[in-house]
Amino acid sequence: MPEEPTRVAVVGAGAWGTALATVLATSHHDVLVWAREPEVVADINERHENRTFLPGVHLPANVRATGDVVEAVRSRAFVFSVCPAQHTRQLTARWAPHATDDVVIVSASKGIELETNRLMSEVFDEVLPPRLRARVCFLSGPSFAREVGEGRPTAVVVAARDEALAERVQHLVAHPTFRVYRSTDVVGVEVAGALKNVIAIATGVCDGLALGHNARAALITRGLAEITRLAVRLGANPVTLMGLAGMGDLVLTCTADLSRNRTVGLALGRGEHLADVLAGKPQVAEGVTTARAAYALARRLGVDTPLIDEVYALVHEQRPLAGVVERLMTRALKREEI
């Protein structure tokens, strides 16, 4: 007899949550998605499509949706948390008491909590009941939702403090078009996934100002240095930053037109106002919020982050673009190092 399908919940029906649900369902798992919006629930159940966040991608029949987050996670073996980082604490507190004792939780949200400057791993440690705190993994890497949903080849990494737990998720999610590596460097994977969005805004500004390919390459490289400094200060292995969650995701987010964060920076570099850029967009550009959290975190840790500082000042203090290039290019000369 064929094996019973694994029961999986996906908490969050944005583009990324919908794409992950598609991958999981294509591997014949039973997938139940929680969506905040009633129209998204109806679309998934009736049309097998999420026209709001991932239009044009057909969802397999074994993807269903609900507007009740407790129903979504109850009796599920795996719960993928794919909501925006700033909603993770509140939403997890709602569903966690109803999860089974042996559930495996996979966080696929990229960001830092604004009010506390906590990584998502720290948020889960604080909000999950003790029985679940050791059962969390973190999925990250260069993975635009649309390309994942369309079945284009993608490689990501899943990190957990317990490698055996990461290996379970690795085998659950892996698919011929979705290759998964594993790691035990939770902090490195998390910091890379969050901060690359801030550097993507900076790269978009660079391109909006038409500064050229040399400037873009320098910005991405020095952006990686800033991310690495912060990650290492928090206990990460610097080698992680050279991998999929670090350099891989950074290059993707900084150079591709599908990048929401790069698009925001591009518009700012062309002189548009942030409020106008963000108005009416159904999907979140995490880098805008993360810039504030990253700036505060760097100040607390005493880490030098000139690019992150400039993005923070631009989007949160309305600092004009005039002078930004000169400030960065005329800083004190130094050795090239992390």
C-alpha atoms as a PDB file:
ATOM      1  CA  MET A   1       0.000   0.000   0.000  1.00  0.00           C
ATOM      2  CA  PRO A   2       1.241   3.543  -0.703  1.00  0.00           C
ATOM      3  CA  GLU A   3       2.446   5.565   2.272  1.00  0.00           C
ATOM      4  CA  GLU A   4       0.032   7.988   3.881  1.00  0.00           C
ATOM      5  CA  PRO A   5       0.836  11.563   2.784  1.00  0.00           C
ATOM      6  CA  THR A   6       2.571  13.707   5.389  1.00  0.00           C
ATOM      7  CA  ARG A   7       0.222  16.319   6.838  1.00  0.00           C
ATOM      8  CA  VAL A   8       1.801  19.769   6.457  1.00  0.00           C
ATOM      9  CA  ALA A   9       0.570  23.236   7.420  1.00  0.00           C
ATOM     10  CA  VAL A  10       1.752  26.451   5.783  1.00  0.00           C
ATOM     11  CA  VAL A  11       1.003  29.500   7.929  1.00  0.00           C
ATOM     12  CA  GLY A  12       0.987  32.415   5.507  1.00  0.00           C
ATOM     13  CA  ALA A  13      -0.373  32.538   1.966  1.00  0.00           C
ATOM     14  CA  GLY A  14       1.793  35.257   0.466  1.00  0.00           C
ATOM     15  CA  ALA A  15       3.791  34.486  -2.653  1.00  0.00           C
ATOM     16  CA  TRP A  16       6.503  32.579  -0.766  1.00  0.00           C
ATOM     17  CA  GLY A  17       4.088  30.553   1.365  1.00  0.00           C
ATOM     18  CA  THR A  18       2.065  29.673  -1.725  1.00  0.00           C
ATOM     19  CA  ALA A  19       5.195  28.620  -3.618  1.00  0.00           C
ATOM     20  CA  LEU A  20       6.350  26.396  -0.737  1.00  0.00           C
ATOM     21  CA  ALA A  21       2.881  24.856  -0.546  1.00  0.00           C
ATOM     22  CA  THR A  22       3.174  24.015  -4.242  1.00  0.00           C
ATOM     23  CA  VAL A  23       6.553  22.320  -3.763  1.00  0.00           C
ATOM     24  CA  LEU A  24       5.274  20.315  -0.797  1.00  0.00           C
ATOM     25  CA  ALA A  25       2.100  19.282  -2.592  1.00  0.00           C
ATOM     26  CA  THR A  26       4.023  18.257  -5.718  1.00  0.00           C
ATOM     27  CA  SER A  27       5.884  15.826  -3.442  1.00  0.00           C
ATOM     28  CA  HIS A  28       2.464  14.349  -2.566  1.00  0.00           C
ATOM     29  CA  HIS A  29       2.135  15.786   0.920  1.00  0.00           C
ATOM     30  CA  ASP A  30      -1.266  16.852   2.279  1.00  0.00           C
ATOM     31  CA  VAL A  31      -0.943  20.645   2.521  1.00  0.00           C
ATOM     32  CA  LEU A  32      -3.268  22.991   4.394  1.00  0.00           C
ATOM     33  CA  VAL A  33      -2.519  26.713   4.000  1.00  0.00           C
ATOM     34  CA  TRP A  34      -3.666  29.423   6.381  1.00  0.00           C
ATOM     35  CA  ALA A  35      -4.531  32.739   4.719  1.00  0.00           C
ATOM     36  CA  ARG A  36      -5.640  35.928   6.433  1.00  0.00           C
ATOM     37  CA  GLU A  37      -7.667  37.105   3.426  1.00  0.00           C
ATOM     38  CA  PRO A  38     -11.007  35.317   2.754  1.00  0.00           C
ATOM     39  CA  GLU A  39     -10.620  35.896  -0.974  1.00  0.00           C
ATOM     40  CA  VAL A  40      -7.292  34.043  -0.962  1.00  0.00           C
ATOM     41  CA  VAL A  41      -8.871  31.101   0.877  1.00  0.00           C
ATOM     42  CA  ALA A  42     -11.665  30.993  -1.689  1.00  0.00           C
ATOM     43  CA  ASP A  43      -9.273  31.284  -4.622  1.00  0.00           C
ATOM     44  CA  ILE A  44      -7.082  28.416  -3.453  1.00  0.00           C
ATOM     45  CA  ASN A  45     -10.004  26.117  -2.685  1.00  0.00           C
ATOM     46  CA  GLU A  46     -12.148  26.936  -5.704  1.00  0.00           C
ATOM     47  CA  ARG A  47      -9.693  27.953  -8.447  1.00  0.00           C
ATOM     48  CA  HIS A  48      -6.448  26.268  -7.275  1.00  0.00           C
ATOM     49  CA  GLU A  49      -4.685  29.593  -7.673  1.00  0.00           C
ATOM     50  CA  ASN A  50      -3.659  32.503  -5.449  1.00  0.00           C
ATOM     51  CA  ARG A  51      -4.527  35.397  -7.720  1.00  0.00           C
ATOM     52  CA  THR A  52      -3.670  37.992  -5.059  1.00  0.00           C
ATOM     53  CA  PHE A  53      -0.062  37.017  -4.366  1.00  0.00           C
ATOM     54  CA  LEU A  54       1.041  34.460  -6.986  1.00  0.00           C
ATOM     55  CA  PRO A  55      -1.222  34.791 -10.020  1.00  0.00           C
ATOM     56  CA  GLY A  56      -0.796  32.384 -12.890  1.00  0.00           C
ATOM     57  CA  VAL A  57       0.701  29.532 -10.833  1.00  0.00           C
ATOM     58  CA  HIS A  58      -1.543  26.467 -10.685  1.00  0.00           C
ATOM     59  CA  LEU A  59      -1.774  24.820  -7.252  1.00  0.00           C
ATOM     60  CA  PRO A  60      -2.104  21.041  -7.015  1.00  0.00           C
ATOM     61  CA  ALA A  61      -5.411  19.637  -5.793  1.00  0.00           C
ATOM     62  CA  ASN A  62      -3.809  18.513  -2.511  1.00  0.00           C
ATOM     63  CA  VAL A  63      -3.312  22.157  -1.473  1.00  0.00           C
ATOM     64  CA  ARG A  64      -6.282  23.419   0.519  1.00  0.00           C
ATOM     65  CA  ALA A  65      -6.750  26.655   2.456  1.00  0.00           C
ATOM     66  CA  THR A  66      -8.435  27.821   5.648  1.00  0.00           C
ATOM     67  CA  GLY A  67      -8.950  31.132   7.401  1.00  0.00           C
ATOM     68  CA  ASP A  68      -8.597  29.485  10.828  1.00  0.00           C
ATOM     69  CA  VAL A  69      -4.940  29.259  11.871  1.00  0.00           C
ATOM     70  CA  VAL A  70      -5.712  26.792  14.677  1.00  0.00           C
ATOM     71  CA  GLU A  71      -7.420  24.473  12.201  1.00  0.00           C
ATOM     72  CA  ALA A  72      -4.425  24.832   9.895  1.00  0.00           C
ATOM     73  CA  VAL A  73      -1.882  23.491  12.407  1.00  0.00           C
ATOM     74  CA  ARG A  74      -3.966  21.011  14.399  1.00  0.00           C
ATOM     75  CA  SER A  75      -2.769  17.398  13.906  1.00  0.00           C
ATOM     76  CA  ARG A  76      -0.120  18.476  11.384  1.00  0.00           C
ATOM     77  CA  ALA A  77       3.330  16.844  11.463  1.00  0.00           C
ATOM     78  CA  PHE A  78       5.102  19.918  10.034  1.00  0.00           C
ATOM     79  CA  VAL A  79       4.227  23.598  10.306  1.00  0.00           C
ATOM     80  CA  PHE A  80       5.894  26.065   7.922  1.00  0.00           C
ATOM     81  CA  SER A  81       5.771  29.609   9.302  1.00  0.00           C
ATOM     82  CA  VAL A  82       5.881  31.910   6.273  1.00  0.00           C
ATOM     83  CA  CYS A  83       4.270  35.109   7.552  1.00  0.00           C
ATOM     84  CA  PRO A  84       6.064  38.486   7.532  1.00  0.00           C
ATOM     85  CA  ALA A  85       8.682  38.699  10.268  1.00  0.00           C
ATOM     86  CA  GLN A  86       6.840  41.479  12.118  1.00  0.00           C
ATOM     87  CA  HIS A  87       3.747  39.254  12.502  1.00  0.00           C
ATOM     88  CA  THR A  88       5.565  36.089  13.556  1.00  0.00           C
ATOM     89  CA  ARG A  89       5.356  36.570  17.321  1.00  0.00           C
ATOM     90  CA  GLN A  90       1.653  37.345  17.482  1.00  0.00           C
ATOM     91  CA  LEU A  91       0.597  34.692  14.996  1.00  0.00           C
ATOM     92  CA  THR A  92       2.778  31.947  16.482  1.00  0.00           C
ATOM     93  CA  ALA A  93       1.358  32.651  19.936  1.00  0.00           C
ATOM     94  CA  ARG A  94      -2.110  31.948  18.482  1.00  0.00           C
ATOM     95  CA  TRP A  95      -1.372  28.581  16.913  1.00  0.00           C
ATOM     96  CA  ALA A  96       1.472  27.108  18.983  1.00  0.00           C
ATOM     97  CA  PRO A  97      -0.663  25.831  21.913  1.00  0.00           C
ATOM     98  CA  HIS A  98      -2.647  23.732  19.435  1.00  0.00           C
ATOM     99  CA  ALA A  99       0.321  22.055  17.704  1.00  0.00           C
ATOM    100  CA  THR A 100       1.177  18.430  18.447  1.00  0.00           C
ATOM    101  CA  ASP A 101       4.079  17.607  20.773  1.00  0.00           C
ATOM    102  CA  ASP A 102       6.099  16.031  17.948  1.00  0.00           C
ATOM    103  CA  VAL A 103       5.502  18.753  15.359  1.00  0.00           C
ATOM    104  CA  VAL A 104       8.468  20.109  13.384  1.00  0.00           C
ATOM    105  CA  ILE A 105       8.342  23.867  12.805  1.00  0.00           C
ATOM    106  CA  VAL A 106      10.049  25.393   9.774  1.00  0.00           C
ATOM    107  CA  SER A 107      10.479  29.165   9.731  1.00  0.00           C
ATOM    108  CA  ALA A 108      10.776  30.576   6.219  1.00  0.00           C
ATOM    109  CA  SER A 109      10.370  34.244   7.203  1.00  0.00           C
ATOM    110  CA  LYS A 110      13.323  36.568   6.623  1.00  0.00           C
ATOM    111  CA  GLY A 111      13.656  39.516   8.956  1.00  0.00           C
ATOM    112  CA  ILE A 112      14.417  40.912  12.395  1.00  0.00           C
ATOM    113  CA  GLU A 113      11.662  41.856  14.834  1.00  0.00           C
ATOM    114  CA  LEU A 114      11.526  45.632  14.932  1.00  0.00           C
ATOM    115  CA  GLU A 115      10.483  46.278  18.526  1.00  0.00           C
ATOM    116  CA  THR A 116      13.018  43.895  20.092  1.00  0.00           C
ATOM    117  CA  ASN A 117      15.770  43.490  17.434  1.00  0.00           C
ATOM    118  CA  ARG A 118      15.294  39.739  17.881  1.00  0.00           C
ATOM    119  CA  LEU A 119      16.065  37.169  15.203  1.00  0.00           C
ATOM    120  CA  MET A 120      13.211  34.818  14.361  1.00  0.00           C
ATOM    121  CA  SER A 121      14.953  32.028  16.312  1.00  0.00           C
ATOM    122  CA  GLU A 122      14.890  34.237  19.409  1.00  0.00           C
ATOM    123  CA  VAL A 123      11.234  35.075  18.825  1.00  0.00           C
ATOM    124  CA  PHE A 124      10.371  31.376  18.643  1.00  0.00           C
ATOM    125  CA  ASP A 125      12.395  30.683  21.793  1.00  0.00           C
ATOM    126  CA  GLU A 126      10.342  33.320  23.602  1.00  0.00           C
ATOM    127  CA  VAL A 127       6.880  32.544  22.275  1.00  0.00           C
ATOM    128  CA  LEU A 128       6.809  28.745  21.853  1.00  0.00           C
ATOM    129  CA  PRO A 129       5.910  26.494  24.782  1.00  0.00           C
ATOM    130  CA  PRO A 130       8.983  24.686  26.191  1.00  0.00           C
ATOM    131  CA  ARG A 131       7.966  21.385  24.560  1.00  0.00           C
ATOM    132  CA  LEU A 132       8.421  22.892  21.075  1.00  0.00           C
ATOM    133  CA  ARG A 133      11.474  25.135  21.387  1.00  0.00           C
ATOM    134  CA  ALA A 134      13.958  22.511  20.191  1.00  0.00           C
ATOM    135  CA  ARG A 135      11.806  21.596  17.192  1.00  0.00           C
ATOM    136  CA  VAL A 136      12.395  24.630  14.948  1.00  0.00           C
ATOM    137  CA  CYS A 137      14.319  24.829  11.659  1.00  0.00           C
ATOM    138  CA  PHE A 138      15.043  27.803   9.411  1.00  0.00           C
ATOM    139  CA  LEU A 139      14.766  27.723   5.619  1.00  0.00           C
ATOM    140  CA  SER A 140      16.514  30.330   3.486  1.00  0.00           C
ATOM    141  CA  GLY A 141      18.413  30.833   0.243  1.00  0.00           C
ATOM    142  CA  PRO A 142      18.049  32.364  -3.230  1.00  0.00           C
ATOM    143  CA  SER A 143      14.438  31.545  -4.021  1.00  0.00           C
ATOM    144  CA  PHE A 144      12.056  33.903  -5.770  1.00  0.00           C
ATOM    145  CA  ALA A 145       8.552  32.614  -5.098  1.00  0.00           C
ATOM    146  CA  ARG A 146       7.398  32.829  -8.698  1.00  0.00           C
ATOM    147  CA  GLU A 147      10.264  30.712 -10.012  1.00  0.00           C
ATOM    148  CA  VAL A 148       9.758  28.160  -7.239  1.00  0.00           C
ATOM    149  CA  GLY A 149       6.047  28.011  -7.976  1.00  0.00           C
ATOM    150  CA  GLU A 150       6.741  27.538 -11.677  1.00  0.00           C
ATOM    151  CA  GLY A 151       9.056  24.624 -10.942  1.00  0.00           C
ATOM    152  CA  ARG A 152      12.288  26.300 -12.007  1.00  0.00           C
ATOM    153  CA  PRO A 153      15.463  24.792 -10.479  1.00  0.00           C
ATOM    154  CA  THR A 154      16.165  26.266  -7.022  1.00  0.00           C
ATOM    155  CA  ALA A 155      18.581  25.433  -4.194  1.00  0.00           C
ATOM    156  CA  VAL A 156      18.101  26.458  -0.557  1.00  0.00           C
ATOM    157  CA  VAL A 157      19.451  25.585   2.890  1.00  0.00           C
ATOM    158  CA  VAL A 158      17.653  24.472   6.043  1.00  0.00           C
ATOM    159  CA  ALA A 159      19.342  25.082   9.389  1.00  0.00           C
ATOM    160  CA  ALA A 160      18.648  23.660  12.844  1.00  0.00           C
ATOM    161  CA  ARG A 161      20.634  23.353  16.034  1.00  0.00           C
ATOM    162  CA  ASP A 162      19.992  19.599  15.799  1.00  0.00           C
ATOM    163  CA  GLU A 163      21.289  18.377  12.441  1.00  0.00           C
ATOM    164  CA  ALA A 164      18.991  15.330  12.527  1.00  0.00           C
ATOM    165  CA  LEU A 165      16.013  17.690  12.616  1.00  0.00           C
ATOM    166  CA  ALA A 166      17.383  19.664   9.677  1.00  0.00           C
ATOM    167  CA  GLU A 167      17.865  16.406   7.793  1.00  0.00           C
ATOM    168  CA  ARG A 168      14.215  15.458   8.322  1.00  0.00           C
ATOM    169  CA  VAL A 169      13.092  18.749   6.792  1.00  0.00           C
ATOM    170  CA  GLN A 170      15.675  18.414   4.031  1.00  0.00           C
ATOM    171  CA  HIS A 171      14.140  15.121   2.918  1.00  0.00           C
ATOM    172  CA  LEU A 172      10.572  16.355   3.351  1.00  0.00           C
ATOM    173  CA  VAL A 173      11.022  19.402   1.105  1.00  0.00           C
ATOM    174  CA  ALA A 174      13.552  18.151  -1.451  1.00  0.00           C
ATOM    175  CA  HIS A 175      12.157  17.733  -4.955  1.00  0.00           C
ATOM    176  CA  PRO A 176      13.742  17.337  -8.420  1.00  0.00           C
ATOM    177  CA  THR A 177      13.355  21.095  -8.955  1.00  0.00           C
ATOM    178  CA  PHE A 178      14.006  22.123  -5.330  1.00  0.00           C
ATOM    179  CA  ARG A 179      17.360  21.052  -3.917  1.00  0.00           C
ATOM    180  CA  VAL A 180      17.873  21.426  -0.150  1.00  0.00           C
ATOM    181  CA  TYR A 181      21.157  21.548   1.758  1.00  0.00           C
ATOM    182  CA  ARG A 182      21.378  21.407   5.554  1.00  0.00           C
ATOM    183  CA  SER A 183      23.310  23.347   8.182  1.00  0.00           C
ATOM    184  CA  THR A 184      23.575  23.748  11.950  1.00  0.00           C
ATOM    185  CA  ASP A 185      24.414  27.464  11.735  1.00  0.00           C
ATOM    186  CA  VAL A 186      20.995  28.887  12.561  1.00  0.00           C
ATOM    187  CA  VAL A 187      22.299  32.396  13.271  1.00  0.00           C
ATOM    188  CA  GLY A 188      24.312  32.638  10.054  1.00  0.00           C
ATOM    189  CA  VAL A 189      21.391  31.501   7.903  1.00  0.00           C
ATOM    190  CA  GLU A 190      18.978  33.860   9.658  1.00  0.00           C
ATOM    191  CA  VAL A 191      21.146  36.986   9.633  1.00  0.00           C
ATOM    192  CA  ALA A 192      22.036  36.501   5.977  1.00  0.00           C
ATOM    193  CA  GLY A 193      18.398  36.052   4.975  1.00  0.00           C
ATOM    194  CA  ALA A 194      17.300  39.168   6.825  1.00  0.00           C
ATOM    195  CA  LEU A 195      20.052  41.634   5.996  1.00  0.00           C
ATOM    196  CA  LYS A 196      20.374  40.867   2.297  1.00  0.00           C
ATOM    197  CA  ASN A 197      17.071  42.716   1.847  1.00  0.00           C
ATOM    198  CA  VAL A 198      18.630  45.912   3.209  1.00  0.00           C
ATOM    199  CA  ILE A 199      21.608  45.622   0.878  1.00  0.00           C
ATOM    200  CA  ALA A 200      19.182  44.975  -2.001  1.00  0.00           C
ATOM    201  CA  ILE A 201      17.568  48.358  -1.346  1.00  0.00           C
ATOM    202  CA  ALA A 202      21.020  49.953  -1.442  1.00  0.00           C
ATOM    203  CA  THR A 203      21.792  48.194  -4.723  1.00  0.00           C
ATOM    204  CA  GLY A 204      18.513  49.377  -6.195  1.00  0.00           C
ATOM    205  CA  VAL A 205      19.389  52.945  -5.224  1.00  0.00           C
ATOM    206  CA  CYS A 206      22.786  52.483  -6.881  1.00  0.00           C
ATOM    207  CA  ASP A 207      21.127  51.364 -10.112  1.00  0.00           C
ATOM    208  CA  GLY A 208      18.472  54.084  -9.879  1.00  0.00           C
ATOM    209  CA  LEU A 209      21.270  56.635  -9.726  1.00  0.00           C
ATOM    210  CA  ALA A 210      22.897  54.954 -12.771  1.00  0.00           C
ATOM    211  CA  LEU A 211      26.224  54.599 -10.958  1.00  0.00           C
ATOM    212  CA  GLY A 212      27.316  51.678 -13.120  1.00  0.00           C
ATOM    213  CA  HIS A 213      28.324  48.038 -12.857  1.00  0.00           C
ATOM    214  CA  ASN A 214      31.536  48.723 -10.942  1.00  0.00           C
ATOM    215  CA  ALA A 215      29.595  50.469  -8.199  1.00  0.00           C
ATOM    216  CA  ARG A 216      27.020  47.677  -8.024  1.00  0.00           C
ATOM    217  CA  ALA A 217      29.706  44.994  -7.672  1.00  0.00           C
ATOM    218  CA  ALA A 218      31.484  46.968  -4.963  1.00  0.00           C
ATOM    219  CA  LEU A 219      28.255  47.572  -3.081  1.00  0.00           C
ATOM    220  CA  ILE A 220      27.238  43.893  -3.086  1.00  0.00           C
ATOM    221  CA  THR A 221      30.702  42.811  -1.958  1.00  0.00           C
ATOM    222  CA  ARG A 222      30.978  45.340   0.843  1.00  0.00           C
ATOM    223  CA  GLY A 223      27.358  44.640   1.776  1.00  0.00           C
ATOM    224  CA  LEU A 224      28.321  41.006   2.289  1.00  0.00           C
ATOM    225  CA  ALA A 225      31.170  42.175   4.530  1.00  0.00           C
ATOM    226  CA  GLU A 226      28.710  44.103   6.706  1.00  0.00           C
ATOM    227  CA  ILE A 227      26.323  41.156   6.926  1.00  0.00           C
ATOM    228  CA  THR A 228      29.211  38.872   7.837  1.00  0.00           C
ATOM    229  CA  ARG A 229      30.481  41.219  10.565  1.00  0.00           C
ATOM    230  CA  LEU A 230      27.062  41.314  12.209  1.00  0.00           C
ATOM    231  CA  ALA A 231      26.492  37.578  11.842  1.00  0.00           C
ATOM    232  CA  VAL A 232      29.889  36.647  13.269  1.00  0.00           C
ATOM    233  CA  ARG A 233      29.376  39.001  16.210  1.00  0.00           C
ATOM    234  CA  LEU A 234      26.164  37.098  16.937  1.00  0.00           C
ATOM    235  CA  GLY A 235      27.982  33.755  16.807  1.00  0.00           C
ATOM    236  CA  ALA A 236      27.692  32.676  13.164  1.00  0.00           C
ATOM    237  CA  ASN A 237      30.259  30.740  11.168  1.00  0.00           C
ATOM    238  CA  PRO A 238      31.613  33.110   8.473  1.00  0.00           C
ATOM    239  CA  VAL A 239      31.691  30.222   5.980  1.00  0.00           C
ATOM    240  CA  THR A 240      27.880  30.179   6.054  1.00  0.00           C
ATOM    241  CA  LEU A 241      27.877  33.666   4.557  1.00  0.00           C
ATOM    242  CA  MET A 242      29.681  32.334   1.485  1.00  0.00           C
ATOM    243  CA  GLY A 243      26.874  29.852   0.808  1.00  0.00           C
ATOM    244  CA  LEU A 244      23.305  29.853  -0.428  1.00  0.00           C
ATOM    245  CA  ALA A 245      21.817  31.802   2.474  1.00  0.00           C
ATOM    246  CA  GLY A 246      24.564  34.422   2.242  1.00  0.00           C
ATOM    247  CA  MET A 247      26.197  35.181  -1.093  1.00  0.00           C
ATOM    248  CA  GLY A 248      23.589  33.213  -3.051  1.00  0.00           C
ATOM    249  CA  ASP A 249      20.555  35.071  -1.728  1.00  0.00           C
ATOM    250  CA  LEU A 250      22.395  38.399  -1.740  1.00  0.00           C
ATOM    251  CA  VAL A 251      23.309  38.172  -5.429  1.00  0.00           C
ATOM    252  CA  LEU A 252      19.778  37.141  -6.368  1.00  0.00           C
ATOM    253  CA  THR A 253      18.043  39.868  -4.384  1.00  0.00           C
ATOM    254  CA  CYS A 254      20.440  42.615  -5.447  1.00  0.00           C
ATOM    255  CA  THR A 255      20.450  41.952  -9.188  1.00  0.00           C
ATOM    256  CA  ALA A 256      17.097  40.569 -10.321  1.00  0.00           C
ATOM    257  CA  ASP A 257      14.030  42.493 -11.420  1.00  0.00           C
ATOM    258  CA  LEU A 258      11.735  40.188  -9.391  1.00  0.00           C
ATOM    259  CA  SER A 259      13.305  41.502  -6.175  1.00  0.00           C
ATOM    260  CA  ARG A 260      10.797  43.667  -4.277  1.00  0.00           C
ATOM    261  CA  ASN A 261      13.548  45.238  -2.168  1.00  0.00           C
ATOM    262  CA  ARG A 262      15.728  46.101  -5.167  1.00  0.00           C
ATOM    263  CA  THR A 263      12.643  47.582  -6.860  1.00  0.00           C
ATOM    264  CA  VAL A 264      12.025  49.841  -3.852  1.00  0.00           C
ATOM    265  CA  GLY A 265      15.635  51.040  -3.950  1.00  0.00           C
ATOM    266  CA  LEU A 266      15.500  51.565  -7.696  1.00  0.00           C
ATOM    267  CA  ALA A 267      12.502  53.875  -7.332  1.00  0.00           C
ATOM    268  CA  LEU A 268      14.152  55.788  -4.482  1.00  0.00           C
ATOM    269  CA  GLY A 269      17.292  56.226  -6.553  1.00  0.00           C
ATOM    270  CA  ARG A 270      15.174  57.742  -9.313  1.00  0.00           C
ATOM    271  CA  GLY A 271      13.777  60.324  -6.905  1.00  0.00           C
ATOM    272  CA  GLU A 272      10.435  58.798  -5.912  1.00  0.00           C
ATOM    273  CA  HIS A 273       9.121  59.084  -2.349  1.00  0.00           C
ATOM    274  CA  LEU A 274       9.014  55.958  -0.185  1.00  0.00           C
ATOM    275  CA  ALA A 275       5.313  56.284   0.664  1.00  0.00           C
ATOM    276  CA  ASP A 276       4.460  56.458  -3.030  1.00  0.00           C
ATOM    277  CA  VAL A 277       6.686  53.478  -3.803  1.00  0.00           C
ATOM    278  CA  LEU A 278       5.043  51.278  -1.158  1.00  0.00           C
ATOM    279  CA  ALA A 279       1.456  52.439  -1.730  1.00  0.00           C
ATOM    280  CA  GLY A 280      -0.850  49.764  -3.060  1.00  0.00           C
ATOM    281  CA  LYS A 281       1.724  46.961  -3.060  1.00  0.00           C
ATOM    282  CA  PRO A 282       0.133  43.713  -1.784  1.00  0.00           C
ATOM    283  CA  GLN A 283       3.477  42.172  -0.833  1.00  0.00           C
ATOM    284  CA  VAL A 284       5.899  43.299   1.844  1.00  0.00           C
ATOM    285  CA  ALA A 285       9.380  44.657   1.107  1.00  0.00           C
ATOM    286  CA  GLU A 286      10.953  43.335   4.315  1.00  0.00           C
ATOM    287  CA  GLY A 287      14.137  45.373   3.859  1.00  0.00           C
ATOM    288  CA  VAL A 288      12.364  48.643   4.709  1.00  0.00           C
ATOM    289  CA  THR A 289      11.500  47.467   8.215  1.00  0.00           C
ATOM    290  CA  THR A 290      14.640  45.385   8.607  1.00  0.00           C
ATOM    291  CA  ALA A 291      16.793  48.466   7.921  1.00  0.00           C
ATOM    292  CA  ARG A 292      15.581  50.011  11.165  1.00  0.00           C
ATOM    293  CA  ALA A 293      16.127  46.817  13.156  1.00  0.00           C
ATOM    294  CA  ALA A 294      19.533  46.189  11.577  1.00  0.00           C
ATOM    295  CA  TYR A 295      20.676  49.738  12.293  1.00  0.00           C
ATOM    296  CA  ALA A 296      19.674  49.419  15.953  1.00  0.00           C
ATOM    297  CA  LEU A 297      21.278  45.970  16.219  1.00  0.00           C
ATOM    298  CA  ALA A 298      24.556  47.201  14.731  1.00  0.00           C
ATOM    299  CA  ARG A 299      24.647  50.125  17.148  1.00  0.00           C
ATOM    300  CA  ARG A 300      24.027  47.813  20.098  1.00  0.00           C
ATOM    301  CA  LEU A 301      26.773  45.429  19.006  1.00  0.00           C
ATOM    302  CA  GLY A 302      29.228  48.171  18.011  1.00  0.00           C
ATOM    303  CA  VAL A 303      29.548  46.853  14.446  1.00  0.00           C
ATOM    304  CA  ASP A 304      30.517  49.180  11.579  1.00  0.00           C
ATOM    305  CA  THR A 305      27.774  49.097   8.899  1.00  0.00           C
ATOM    306  CA  PRO A 306      28.033  52.167   6.642  1.00  0.00           C
ATOM    307  CA  LEU A 307      25.758  50.789   3.895  1.00  0.00           C
ATOM    308  CA  ILE A 308      23.050  49.702   6.310  1.00  0.00           C
ATOM    309  CA  ASP A 309      23.351  53.095   8.029  1.00  0.00           C
ATOM    310  CA  GLU A 310      22.759  54.933   4.755  1.00  0.00           C
ATOM    311  CA  VAL A 311      19.709  52.819   3.883  1.00  0.00           C
ATOM    312  CA  TYR A 312      18.280  53.407   7.357  1.00  0.00           C
ATOM    313  CA  ALA A 313      18.786  57.167   7.062  1.00  0.00           C
ATOM    314  CA  LEU A 314      17.270  57.241   3.581  1.00  0.00           C
ATOM    315  CA  VAL A 315      14.075  55.305   4.357  1.00  0.00           C
ATOM    316  CA  HIS A 316      13.490  56.225   8.005  1.00  0.00           C
ATOM    317  CA  GLU A 317      15.012  59.696   8.443  1.00  0.00           C
ATOM    318  CA  GLN A 318      14.285  61.006   4.934  1.00  0.00           C
ATOM    319  CA  ARG A 319      17.960  61.831   4.399  1.00  0.00           C
ATOM    320  CA  PRO A 320      18.397  63.182   0.850  1.00  0.00           C
ATOM    321  CA  LEU A 321      20.353  61.176  -1.686  1.00  0.00           C
ATOM    322  CA  ALA A 322      22.729  64.052  -2.305  1.00  0.00           C
ATOM    323  CA  GLY A 323      26.071  63.279  -0.717  1.00  0.00           C
ATOM    324  CA  VAL A 324      25.542  59.539  -0.154  1.00  0.00           C
ATOM    325  CA  VAL A 325      28.111  58.467  -2.748  1.00  0.00           C
ATOM    326  CA  GLU A 326      30.713  60.914  -1.507  1.00  0.00           C
ATOM    327  CA  ARG A 327      30.197  59.842   2.111  1.00  0.00           C
ATOM    328  CA  LEU A 328      30.739  56.201   1.249  1.00  0.00           C
ATOM    329  CA  MET A 329      33.627  56.715  -1.183  1.00  0.00           C
ATOM    330  CA  THR A 330      35.648  59.090   0.993  1.00  0.00           C
ATOM    331  CA  ARG A 331      35.578  57.149   4.246  1.00  0.00           C
ATOM    332  CA  ALA A 332      38.933  56.499   5.913  1.00  0.00           C
ATOM    333  CA  LEU A 333      41.030  54.057   3.880  1.00  0.00           C
ATOM    334  CA  LYS A 334      41.564  50.635   5.462  1.00  0.00           C
ATOM    335  CA  ARG A 335      42.611  47.044   4.859  1.00  0.00           C
ATOM    336  CA  GLU A 336      40.119  44.868   3.032  1.00  0.00           C
ATOM    337  CA  GLU A 337      38.779  42.589   5.704  1.00  0.00           C
ATOM    338  CA  ILE A 338      35.528  41.504   7.261  1.00  0.00           C
END
